[in-house]
Amino acid sequence: MEPRIPELGRFAEPALLILVSLSDGPKHGYAIMADVEAGTGRPMGPGTLYAALARLEERGLIEALPPVERRRPYRLTAIGETVLGEQLHDLAAFAETGLRRLGRSPG
């Protein structure tokens, strides 16, 4: 039987933003929020962040590392990398379709 790959869940956008942020290495909460805002131009509040981190950790997509100077970093798990790759692939295909329908070339 093939292992079940967890889904991002109901609040997918914050989860996806967090996974992308962690894709280049471990970060603590404040660094994730700063990275997300730098990449999207939109802030992510601490309530949204920590609720999403808890869901992602519960699903096994990220794991908390030992605290460093009272900050707890998180990193992607192997399954988290797989899920992120699949989600980004699906989003890229969706965006390509939308751009094509608008008469704009992707890319």
PDB file of N, CA and C in Angstrom:
ATOM      1  N   MET A   1       0.833  -1.179   0.000  1.00  0.00           N
ATOM      2  CA  MET A   1       0.000   0.000   0.000  1.00  0.00           C
ATOM      3  C   MET A   1       0.883   1.250   0.000  1.00  0.00           C
ATOM      4  N   GLU A   2       0.577   2.186  -0.882  1.00  0.00           N
ATOM      5  CA  GLU A   2       1.357   3.403  -1.002  1.00  0.00           C
ATOM      6  C   GLU A   2       1.034   4.357   0.145  1.00  0.00           C
ATOM      7  N   PRO A   3       2.057   5.016   0.736  1.00  0.00           N
ATOM      8  CA  PRO A   3       1.773   5.927   1.842  1.00  0.00           C
ATOM      9  C   PRO A   3       0.914   7.103   1.371  1.00  0.00           C
ATOM     10  N   ARG A   4       0.037   7.531   2.233  1.00  0.00           N
ATOM     11  CA  ARG A   4      -0.857   8.644   1.938  1.00  0.00           C
ATOM     12  C   ARG A   4      -0.091   9.948   2.102  1.00  0.00           C
ATOM     13  N   ILE A   5      -0.123  10.781   1.064  1.00  0.00           N
ATOM     14  CA  ILE A   5       0.537  12.079   1.131  1.00  0.00           C
ATOM     15  C   ILE A   5      -0.462  13.079   1.689  1.00  0.00           C
ATOM     16  N   PRO A   6      -0.113  13.758   2.780  1.00  0.00           N
ATOM     17  CA  PRO A   6      -1.053  14.706   3.388  1.00  0.00           C
ATOM     18  C   PRO A   6      -1.303  15.900   2.479  1.00  0.00           C
ATOM     19  N   GLU A   7      -2.469  16.469   2.614  1.00  0.00           N
ATOM     20  CA  GLU A   7      -2.815  17.672   1.865  1.00  0.00           C
ATOM     21  C   GLU A   7      -2.541  18.896   2.721  1.00  0.00           C
ATOM     22  N   LEU A   8      -2.500  20.063   2.090  1.00  0.00           N
ATOM     23  CA  LEU A   8      -2.238  21.291   2.831  1.00  0.00           C
ATOM     24  C   LEU A   8      -3.414  21.672   3.718  1.00  0.00           C
ATOM     25  N   GLY A   9      -4.613  21.315   3.322  1.00  0.00           N
ATOM     26  CA  GLY A   9      -5.774  21.577   4.167  1.00  0.00           C
ATOM     27  C   GLY A   9      -6.544  22.808   3.756  1.00  0.00           C
ATOM     28  N   ARG A  10      -7.498  23.156   4.573  1.00  0.00           N
ATOM     29  CA  ARG A  10      -8.460  24.206   4.282  1.00  0.00           C
ATOM     30  C   ARG A  10      -7.831  25.580   4.084  1.00  0.00           C
ATOM     31  N   PHE A  11      -6.836  25.913   4.844  1.00  0.00           N
ATOM     32  CA  PHE A  11      -6.197  27.222   4.751  1.00  0.00           C
ATOM     33  C   PHE A  11      -4.894  27.071   3.972  1.00  0.00           C
ATOM     34  N   ALA A  12      -5.020  26.721   2.700  1.00  0.00           N
ATOM     35  CA  ALA A  12      -3.863  26.344   1.893  1.00  0.00           C
ATOM     36  C   ALA A  12      -2.901  27.488   1.622  1.00  0.00           C
ATOM     37  N   GLU A  13      -3.388  28.704   1.426  1.00  0.00           N
ATOM     38  CA  GLU A  13      -2.483  29.778   1.037  1.00  0.00           C
ATOM     39  C   GLU A  13      -1.401  30.045   2.092  1.00  0.00           C
ATOM     40  N   PRO A  14      -1.744  30.264   3.371  1.00  0.00           N
ATOM     41  CA  PRO A  14      -0.663  30.474   4.346  1.00  0.00           C
ATOM     42  C   PRO A  14       0.289  29.274   4.409  1.00  0.00           C
ATOM     43  N   ALA A  15      -0.255  28.076   4.320  1.00  0.00           N
ATOM     44  CA  ALA A  15       0.585  26.883   4.370  1.00  0.00           C
ATOM     45  C   ALA A  15       1.554  26.862   3.197  1.00  0.00           C
ATOM     46  N   LEU A  16       1.059  27.164   2.020  1.00  0.00           N
ATOM     47  CA  LEU A  16       1.916  27.165   0.834  1.00  0.00           C
ATOM     48  C   LEU A  16       3.001  28.233   0.953  1.00  0.00           C
ATOM     49  N   LEU A  17       2.642  29.414   1.428  1.00  0.00           N
ATOM     50  CA  LEU A  17       3.631  30.479   1.597  1.00  0.00           C
ATOM     51  C   LEU A  17       4.715  30.077   2.592  1.00  0.00           C
ATOM     52  N   ILE A  18       4.326  29.417   3.656  1.00  0.00           N
ATOM     53  CA  ILE A  18       5.290  28.965   4.666  1.00  0.00           C
ATOM     54  C   ILE A  18       6.207  27.893   4.088  1.00  0.00           C
ATOM     55  N   LEU A  19       5.633  26.938   3.370  1.00  0.00           N
ATOM     56  CA  LEU A  19       6.453  25.874   2.777  1.00  0.00           C
ATOM     57  C   LEU A  19       7.458  26.459   1.789  1.00  0.00           C
ATOM     58  N   VAL A  20       7.031  27.416   0.976  1.00  0.00           N
ATOM     59  CA  VAL A  20       7.959  28.057   0.040  1.00  0.00           C
ATOM     60  C   VAL A  20       9.063  28.775   0.816  1.00  0.00           C
ATOM     61  N   SER A  21       8.698  29.464   1.882  1.00  0.00           N
ATOM     62  CA  SER A  21       9.696  30.153   2.692  1.00  0.00           C
ATOM     63  C   SER A  21      10.731  29.183   3.247  1.00  0.00           C
ATOM     64  N   LEU A  22      10.276  28.025   3.692  1.00  0.00           N
ATOM     65  CA  LEU A  22      11.195  27.043   4.280  1.00  0.00           C
ATOM     66  C   LEU A  22      11.957  26.227   3.227  1.00  0.00           C
ATOM     67  N   SER A  23      11.624  26.400   1.957  1.00  0.00           N
ATOM     68  CA  SER A  23      12.249  25.579   0.918  1.00  0.00           C
ATOM     69  C   SER A  23      13.737  25.861   0.741  1.00  0.00           C
ATOM     70  N   ASP A  24      14.220  27.009   1.212  1.00  0.00           N
ATOM     71  CA  ASP A  24      15.654  27.272   1.097  1.00  0.00           C
ATOM     72  C   ASP A  24      16.387  27.105   2.426  1.00  0.00           C
ATOM     73  N   GLY A  25      15.713  26.503   3.400  1.00  0.00           N
ATOM     74  CA  GLY A  25      16.375  26.206   4.665  1.00  0.00           C
ATOM     75  C   GLY A  25      15.524  26.587   5.862  1.00  0.00           C
ATOM     76  N   PRO A  26      15.922  26.126   7.047  1.00  0.00           N
ATOM     77  CA  PRO A  26      15.165  26.382   8.274  1.00  0.00           C
ATOM     78  C   PRO A  26      15.060  27.875   8.591  1.00  0.00           C
ATOM     79  N   LYS A  27      13.926  28.236   9.191  1.00  0.00           N
ATOM     80  CA  LYS A  27      13.704  29.614   9.638  1.00  0.00           C
ATOM     81  C   LYS A  27      12.834  29.585  10.881  1.00  0.00           C
ATOM     82  N   HIS A  28      12.974  30.609  11.710  1.00  0.00           N
ATOM     83  CA  HIS A  28      12.081  30.781  12.857  1.00  0.00           C
ATOM     84  C   HIS A  28      10.905  31.647  12.413  1.00  0.00           C
ATOM     85  N   GLY A  29       9.913  31.770  13.272  1.00  0.00           N
ATOM     86  CA  GLY A  29       8.668  32.439  12.928  1.00  0.00           C
ATOM     87  C   GLY A  29       8.815  33.832  12.354  1.00  0.00           C
ATOM     88  N   TYR A  30       9.592  34.689  13.018  1.00  0.00           N
ATOM     89  CA  TYR A  30       9.737  36.063  12.528  1.00  0.00           C
ATOM     90  C   TYR A  30      10.381  36.077  11.147  1.00  0.00           C
ATOM     91  N   ALA A  31      11.382  35.223  10.930  1.00  0.00           N
ATOM     92  CA  ALA A  31      12.059  35.159   9.633  1.00  0.00           C
ATOM     93  C   ALA A  31      11.100  34.676   8.546  1.00  0.00           C
ATOM     94  N   ILE A  32      10.211  33.743   8.885  1.00  0.00           N
ATOM     95  CA  ILE A  32       9.210  33.276   7.921  1.00  0.00           C
ATOM     96  C   ILE A  32       8.280  34.433   7.555  1.00  0.00           C
ATOM     97  N   MET A  33       7.789  35.159   8.559  1.00  0.00           N
ATOM     98  CA  MET A  33       6.889  36.286   8.286  1.00  0.00           C
ATOM     99  C   MET A  33       7.571  37.322   7.399  1.00  0.00           C
ATOM    100  N   ALA A  34       8.828  37.650   7.687  1.00  0.00           N
ATOM    101  CA  ALA A  34       9.567  38.644   6.896  1.00  0.00           C
ATOM    102  C   ALA A  34       9.776  38.142   5.472  1.00  0.00           C
ATOM    103  N   ASP A  35      10.096  36.860   5.311  1.00  0.00           N
ATOM    104  CA  ASP A  35      10.324  36.275   3.996  1.00  0.00           C
ATOM    105  C   ASP A  35       9.039  36.270   3.173  1.00  0.00           C
ATOM    106  N   VAL A  36       7.932  35.893   3.796  1.00  0.00           N
ATOM    107  CA  VAL A  36       6.646  35.879   3.098  1.00  0.00           C
ATOM    108  C   VAL A  36       6.283  37.291   2.647  1.00  0.00           C
ATOM    109  N   GLU A  37       6.447  38.269   3.528  1.00  0.00           N
ATOM    110  CA  GLU A  37       6.107  39.647   3.157  1.00  0.00           C
ATOM    111  C   GLU A  37       7.012  40.154   2.040  1.00  0.00           C
ATOM    112  N   ALA A  38       8.297  39.818   2.097  1.00  0.00           N
ATOM    113  CA  ALA A  38       9.221  40.244   1.040  1.00  0.00           C
ATOM    114  C   ALA A  38       8.847  39.610  -0.297  1.00  0.00           C
ATOM    115  N   GLY A  39       8.391  38.379  -0.265  1.00  0.00           N
ATOM    116  CA  GLY A  39       8.060  37.668  -1.498  1.00  0.00           C
ATOM    117  C   GLY A  39       6.695  37.985  -2.072  1.00  0.00           C
ATOM    118  N   THR A  40       5.759  38.407  -1.224  1.00  0.00           N
ATOM    119  CA  THR A  40       4.390  38.625  -1.690  1.00  0.00           C
ATOM    120  C   THR A  40       3.937  40.074  -1.598  1.00  0.00           C
ATOM    121  N   GLY A  41       4.627  40.866  -0.772  1.00  0.00           N
ATOM    122  CA  GLY A  41       4.201  42.232  -0.539  1.00  0.00           C
ATOM    123  C   GLY A  41       3.060  42.330   0.460  1.00  0.00           C
ATOM    124  N   ARG A  42       2.677  41.186   1.044  1.00  0.00           N
ATOM    125  CA  ARG A  42       1.582  41.170   2.019  1.00  0.00           C
ATOM    126  C   ARG A  42       2.086  40.579   3.329  1.00  0.00           C
ATOM    127  N   PRO A  43       1.772  41.224   4.440  1.00  0.00           N
ATOM    128  CA  PRO A  43       2.208  40.683   5.723  1.00  0.00           C
ATOM    129  C   PRO A  43       1.387  39.461   6.127  1.00  0.00           C
ATOM    130  N   MET A  44       2.013  38.591   6.878  1.00  0.00           N
ATOM    131  CA  MET A  44       1.325  37.446   7.485  1.00  0.00           C
ATOM    132  C   MET A  44       1.400  37.665   8.985  1.00  0.00           C
ATOM    133  N   GLY A  45       0.260  37.738   9.630  1.00  0.00           N
ATOM    134  CA  GLY A  45       0.235  37.964  11.065  1.00  0.00           C
ATOM    135  C   GLY A  45       0.679  36.749  11.855  1.00  0.00           C
ATOM    136  N   PRO A  46       1.117  36.967  13.090  1.00  0.00           N
ATOM    137  CA  PRO A  46       1.587  35.856  13.909  1.00  0.00           C
ATOM    138  C   PRO A  46       0.506  34.810  14.179  1.00  0.00           C
ATOM    139  N   GLY A  47      -0.741  35.214  14.334  1.00  0.00           N
ATOM    140  CA  GLY A  47      -1.813  34.239  14.573  1.00  0.00           C
ATOM    141  C   GLY A  47      -1.971  33.294  13.403  1.00  0.00           C
ATOM    142  N   THR A  48      -1.973  33.853  12.196  1.00  0.00           N
ATOM    143  CA  THR A  48      -2.065  33.040  10.980  1.00  0.00           C
ATOM    144  C   THR A  48      -0.850  32.134  10.863  1.00  0.00           C
ATOM    145  N   LEU A  49       0.334  32.708  11.090  1.00  0.00           N
ATOM    146  CA  LEU A  49       1.572  31.947  10.967  1.00  0.00           C
ATOM    147  C   LEU A  49       1.591  30.752  11.915  1.00  0.00           C
ATOM    148  N   TYR A  50       1.373  30.994  13.203  1.00  0.00           N
ATOM    149  CA  TYR A  50       1.546  29.913  14.170  1.00  0.00           C
ATOM    150  C   TYR A  50       0.442  28.866  14.085  1.00  0.00           C
ATOM    151  N   ALA A  51      -0.757  29.274  13.676  1.00  0.00           N
ATOM    152  CA  ALA A  51      -1.809  28.278  13.445  1.00  0.00           C
ATOM    153  C   ALA A  51      -1.439  27.395  12.261  1.00  0.00           C
ATOM    154  N   ALA A  52      -0.933  28.001  11.191  1.00  0.00           N
ATOM    155  CA  ALA A  52      -0.529  27.223  10.017  1.00  0.00           C
ATOM    156  C   ALA A  52       0.674  26.335  10.333  1.00  0.00           C
ATOM    157  N   LEU A  53       1.649  26.860  11.092  1.00  0.00           N
ATOM    158  CA  LEU A  53       2.801  26.034  11.481  1.00  0.00           C
ATOM    159  C   LEU A  53       2.345  24.800  12.258  1.00  0.00           C
ATOM    160  N   ALA A  54       1.395  24.978  13.161  1.00  0.00           N
ATOM    161  CA  ALA A  54       0.891  23.842  13.947  1.00  0.00           C
ATOM    162  C   ALA A  54       0.244  22.803  13.034  1.00  0.00           C
ATOM    163  N   ARG A  55      -0.565  23.254  12.065  1.00  0.00           N
ATOM    164  CA  ARG A  55      -1.207  22.320  11.133  1.00  0.00           C
ATOM    165  C   ARG A  55      -0.177  21.603  10.265  1.00  0.00           C
ATOM    166  N   LEU A  56       0.808  22.348   9.781  1.00  0.00           N
ATOM    167  CA  LEU A  56       1.841  21.747   8.937  1.00  0.00           C
ATOM    168  C   LEU A  56       2.664  20.725   9.718  1.00  0.00           C
ATOM    169  N   GLU A  57       2.965  21.042  10.961  1.00  0.00           N
ATOM    170  CA  GLU A  57       3.724  20.112  11.799  1.00  0.00           C
ATOM    171  C   GLU A  57       2.890  18.866  12.104  1.00  0.00           C
ATOM    172  N   GLU A  58       1.620  19.067  12.381  1.00  0.00           N
ATOM    173  CA  GLU A  58       0.714  17.942  12.668  1.00  0.00           C
ATOM    174  C   GLU A  58       0.608  17.001  11.463  1.00  0.00           C
ATOM    175  N   ARG A  59       0.657  17.557  10.268  1.00  0.00           N
ATOM    176  CA  ARG A  59       0.569  16.755   9.041  1.00  0.00           C
ATOM    177  C   ARG A  59       1.913  16.156   8.643  1.00  0.00           C
ATOM    178  N   GLY A  60       2.959  16.510   9.359  1.00  0.00           N
ATOM    179  CA  GLY A  60       4.277  15.945   9.062  1.00  0.00           C
ATOM    180  C   GLY A  60       4.996  16.626   7.911  1.00  0.00           C
ATOM    181  N   LEU A  61       4.544  17.824   7.513  1.00  0.00           N
ATOM    182  CA  LEU A  61       5.157  18.519   6.391  1.00  0.00           C
ATOM    183  C   LEU A  61       6.344  19.379   6.812  1.00  0.00           C
ATOM    184  N   ILE A  62       6.367  19.763   8.079  1.00  0.00           N
ATOM    185  CA  ILE A  62       7.496  20.503   8.650  1.00  0.00           C
ATOM    186  C   ILE A  62       7.806  19.895  10.005  1.00  0.00           C
ATOM    187  N   GLU A  63       8.980  20.241  10.525  1.00  0.00           N
ATOM    188  CA  GLU A  63       9.309  19.831  11.889  1.00  0.00           C
ATOM    189  C   GLU A  63      10.023  20.965  12.586  1.00  0.00           C
ATOM    190  N   ALA A  64       9.757  21.069  13.886  1.00  0.00           N
ATOM    191  CA  ALA A  64      10.427  22.069  14.706  1.00  0.00           C
ATOM    192  C   ALA A  64      11.809  21.551  15.063  1.00  0.00           C
ATOM    193  N   LEU A  65      12.761  22.441  15.060  1.00  0.00           N
ATOM    194  CA  LEU A  65      14.128  22.118  15.456  1.00  0.00           C
ATOM    195  C   LEU A  65      14.351  22.638  16.872  1.00  0.00           C
ATOM    196  N   PRO A  66      15.437  22.232  17.512  1.00  0.00           N
ATOM    197  CA  PRO A  66      15.724  22.765  18.849  1.00  0.00           C
ATOM    198  C   PRO A  66      15.854  24.291  18.806  1.00  0.00           C
ATOM    199  N   PRO A  67      15.401  24.958  19.860  1.00  0.00           N
ATOM    200  CA  PRO A  67      15.472  26.433  19.892  1.00  0.00           C
ATOM    201  C   PRO A  67      16.906  26.945  19.780  1.00  0.00           C
ATOM    202  N   VAL A  68      17.021  28.091  19.119  1.00  0.00           N
ATOM    203  CA  VAL A  68      18.298  28.802  18.999  1.00  0.00           C
ATOM    204  C   VAL A  68      18.050  30.192  19.536  1.00  0.00           C
ATOM    205  N   GLU A  69      18.711  30.536  20.638  1.00  0.00           N
ATOM    206  CA  GLU A  69      18.539  31.849  21.268  1.00  0.00           C
ATOM    207  C   GLU A  69      17.058  32.174  21.468  1.00  0.00           C
ATOM    208  N   ARG A  70      16.324  31.255  22.045  1.00  0.00           N
ATOM    209  CA  ARG A  70      14.908  31.401  22.391  1.00  0.00           C
ATOM    210  C   ARG A  70      13.987  31.487  21.177  1.00  0.00           C
ATOM    211  N   ARG A  71      14.492  31.182  19.999  1.00  0.00           N
ATOM    212  CA  ARG A  71      13.664  31.141  18.794  1.00  0.00           C
ATOM    213  C   ARG A  71      13.645  29.713  18.287  1.00  0.00           C
ATOM    214  N   ARG A  72      12.455  29.257  17.899  1.00  0.00           N
ATOM    215  CA  ARG A  72      12.324  27.881  17.418  1.00  0.00           C
ATOM    216  C   ARG A  72      12.273  27.879  15.893  1.00  0.00           C
ATOM    217  N   PRO A  73      13.318  27.347  15.248  1.00  0.00           N
ATOM    218  CA  PRO A  73      13.284  27.245  13.787  1.00  0.00           C
ATOM    219  C   PRO A  73      12.473  26.018  13.342  1.00  0.00           C
ATOM    220  N   TYR A  74      11.996  26.082  12.128  1.00  0.00           N
ATOM    221  CA  TYR A  74      11.265  24.983  11.503  1.00  0.00           C
ATOM    222  C   TYR A  74      11.941  24.653  10.183  1.00  0.00           C
ATOM    223  N   ARG A  75      11.778  23.403   9.751  1.00  0.00           N
ATOM    224  CA  ARG A  75      12.298  23.021   8.442  1.00  0.00           C
ATOM    225  C   ARG A  75      11.313  22.078   7.761  1.00  0.00           C
ATOM    226  N   LEU A  76      11.435  22.013   6.447  1.00  0.00           N
ATOM    227  CA  LEU A  76      10.618  21.088   5.667  1.00  0.00           C
ATOM    228  C   LEU A  76      11.049  19.663   5.960  1.00  0.00           C
ATOM    229  N   THR A  77      10.107  18.753   5.959  1.00  0.00           N
ATOM    230  CA  THR A  77      10.425  17.330   5.994  1.00  0.00           C
ATOM    231  C   THR A  77      10.500  16.844   4.542  1.00  0.00           C
ATOM    232  N   ALA A  78      10.923  15.619   4.343  1.00  0.00           N
ATOM    233  CA  ALA A  78      10.977  15.059   2.987  1.00  0.00           C
ATOM    234  C   ALA A  78       9.586  15.048   2.360  1.00  0.00           C
ATOM    235  N   ILE A  79       8.581  14.664   3.135  1.00  0.00           N
ATOM    236  CA  ILE A  79       7.221  14.647   2.604  1.00  0.00           C
ATOM    237  C   ILE A  79       6.748  16.079   2.335  1.00  0.00           C
ATOM    238  N   GLY A  80       7.187  17.034   3.145  1.00  0.00           N
ATOM    239  CA  GLY A  80       6.859  18.435   2.912  1.00  0.00           C
ATOM    240  C   GLY A  80       7.420  18.923   1.585  1.00  0.00           C
ATOM    241  N   GLU A  81       8.644  18.527   1.269  1.00  0.00           N
ATOM    242  CA  GLU A  81       9.243  18.881  -0.021  1.00  0.00           C
ATOM    243  C   GLU A  81       8.440  18.295  -1.167  1.00  0.00           C
ATOM    244  N   THR A  82       8.021  17.051  -1.010  1.00  0.00           N
ATOM    245  CA  THR A  82       7.231  16.389  -2.051  1.00  0.00           C
ATOM    246  C   THR A  82       5.907  17.108  -2.267  1.00  0.00           C
ATOM    247  N   VAL A  83       5.204  17.388  -1.176  1.00  0.00           N
ATOM    248  CA  VAL A  83       3.909  18.071  -1.271  1.00  0.00           C
ATOM    249  C   VAL A  83       4.089  19.454  -1.888  1.00  0.00           C
ATOM    250  N   LEU A  84       5.104  20.199  -1.458  1.00  0.00           N
ATOM    251  CA  LEU A  84       5.344  21.529  -2.011  1.00  0.00           C
ATOM    252  C   LEU A  84       5.611  21.445  -3.509  1.00  0.00           C
ATOM    253  N   GLY A  85       6.447  20.522  -3.922  1.00  0.00           N
ATOM    254  CA  GLY A  85       6.742  20.368  -5.352  1.00  0.00           C
ATOM    255  C   GLY A  85       5.494  20.082  -6.164  1.00  0.00           C
ATOM    256  N   GLU A  86       4.640  19.199  -5.653  1.00  0.00           N
ATOM    257  CA  GLU A  86       3.399  18.872  -6.351  1.00  0.00           C
ATOM    258  C   GLU A  86       2.472  20.082  -6.423  1.00  0.00           C
ATOM    259  N   GLN A  87       2.346  20.795  -5.318  1.00  0.00           N
ATOM    260  CA  GLN A  87       1.480  21.977  -5.292  1.00  0.00           C
ATOM    261  C   GLN A  87       1.977  23.036  -6.276  1.00  0.00           C
ATOM    262  N   LEU A  88       3.276  23.288  -6.298  1.00  0.00           N
ATOM    263  CA  LEU A  88       3.825  24.296  -7.197  1.00  0.00           C
ATOM    264  C   LEU A  88       3.672  23.879  -8.656  1.00  0.00           C
ATOM    265  N   HIS A  89       3.847  22.605  -8.937  1.00  0.00           N
ATOM    266  CA  HIS A  89       3.645  22.094 -10.296  1.00  0.00           C
ATOM    267  C   HIS A  89       2.196  22.313 -10.727  1.00  0.00           C
ATOM    268  N   ASP A  90       1.247  21.964  -9.853  1.00  0.00           N
ATOM    269  CA  ASP A  90      -0.172  22.150 -10.162  1.00  0.00           C
ATOM    270  C   ASP A  90      -0.510  23.632 -10.368  1.00  0.00           C
ATOM    271  N   LEU A  91       0.040  24.494  -9.522  1.00  0.00           N
ATOM    272  CA  LEU A  91      -0.216  25.934  -9.649  1.00  0.00           C
ATOM    273  C   LEU A  91       0.377  26.492 -10.941  1.00  0.00           C
ATOM    274  N   ALA A  92       1.555  26.001 -11.320  1.00  0.00           N
ATOM    275  CA  ALA A  92       2.180  26.460 -12.560  1.00  0.00           C
ATOM    276  C   ALA A  92       1.318  26.083 -13.761  1.00  0.00           C
ATOM    277  N   ALA A  93       0.789  24.859 -13.765  1.00  0.00           N
ATOM    278  CA  ALA A  93      -0.077  24.416 -14.861  1.00  0.00           C
ATOM    279  C   ALA A  93      -1.351  25.249 -14.899  1.00  0.00           C
ATOM    280  N   PHE A  94      -1.912  25.541 -13.731  1.00  0.00           N
ATOM    281  CA  PHE A  94      -3.127  26.354 -13.635  1.00  0.00           C
ATOM    282  C   PHE A  94      -2.865  27.772 -14.151  1.00  0.00           C
ATOM    283  N   ALA A  95      -1.740  28.363 -13.742  1.00  0.00           N
ATOM    284  CA  ALA A  95      -1.386  29.712 -14.183  1.00  0.00           C
ATOM    285  C   ALA A  95      -1.168  29.745 -15.693  1.00  0.00           C
ATOM    286  N   GLU A  96      -0.520  28.721 -16.227  1.00  0.00           N
ATOM    287  CA  GLU A  96      -0.302  28.636 -17.668  1.00  0.00           C
ATOM    288  C   GLU A  96      -1.621  28.619 -18.425  1.00  0.00           C
ATOM    289  N   THR A  97      -2.567  27.842 -17.946  1.00  0.00           N
ATOM    290  CA  THR A  97      -3.888  27.774 -18.571  1.00  0.00           C
ATOM    291  C   THR A  97      -4.556  29.140 -18.546  1.00  0.00           C
ATOM    292  N   GLY A  98      -4.533  29.804 -17.395  1.00  0.00           N
ATOM    293  CA  GLY A  98      -5.140  31.124 -17.277  1.00  0.00           C
ATOM    294  C   GLY A  98      -4.510  32.134 -18.209  1.00  0.00           C
ATOM    295  N   LEU A  99      -3.179  32.143 -18.278  1.00  0.00           N
ATOM    296  CA  LEU A  99      -2.486  33.079 -19.167  1.00  0.00           C
ATOM    297  C   LEU A  99      -2.805  32.798 -20.633  1.00  0.00           C
ATOM    298  N   ARG A 100      -2.853  31.536 -20.968  1.00  0.00           N
ATOM    299  CA  ARG A 100      -3.181  31.155 -22.342  1.00  0.00           C
ATOM    300  C   ARG A 100      -4.599  31.626 -22.701  1.00  0.00           C
ATOM    301  N   ARG A 101      -5.544  31.452 -21.773  1.00  0.00           N
ATOM    302  CA  ARG A 101      -6.925  31.872 -22.018  1.00  0.00           C
ATOM    303  C   ARG A 101      -7.043  33.396 -22.156  1.00  0.00           C
ATOM    304  N   LEU A 102      -6.161  34.107 -21.480  1.00  0.00           N
ATOM    305  CA  LEU A 102      -6.133  35.568 -21.599  1.00  0.00           C
ATOM    306  C   LEU A 102      -5.395  36.038 -22.858  1.00  0.00           C
ATOM    307  N   GLY A 103      -4.831  35.083 -23.587  1.00  0.00           N
ATOM    308  CA  GLY A 103      -4.073  35.426 -24.784  1.00  0.00           C
ATOM    309  C   GLY A 103      -2.688  35.940 -24.496  1.00  0.00           C
ATOM    310  N   ARG A 104      -2.203  35.589 -23.293  1.00  0.00           N
ATOM    311  CA  ARG A 104      -0.849  36.013 -22.906  1.00  0.00           C
ATOM    312  C   ARG A 104       0.023  34.779 -22.820  1.00  0.00           C
ATOM    313  N   SER A 105       1.209  34.920 -23.293  1.00  0.00           N
ATOM    314  CA  SER A 105       2.120  33.785 -23.259  1.00  0.00           C
ATOM    315  C   SER A 105       2.728  33.656 -21.871  1.00  0.00           C
ATOM    316  N   PRO A 106       2.723  32.428 -21.301  1.00  0.00           N
ATOM    317  CA  PRO A 106       3.362  32.254 -19.985  1.00  0.00           C
ATOM    318  C   PRO A 106       4.867  32.460 -20.094  1.00  0.00           C
ATOM    319  N   GLY A 107       5.369  33.086 -19.051  1.00  0.00           N
ATOM    320  CA  GLY A 107       6.695  33.119 -18.978  1.00  0.00           C
ATOM    321  C   GLY A 107       7.822  33.856 -18.929  1.00  0.00           C
TER     322      GLY A 107
END
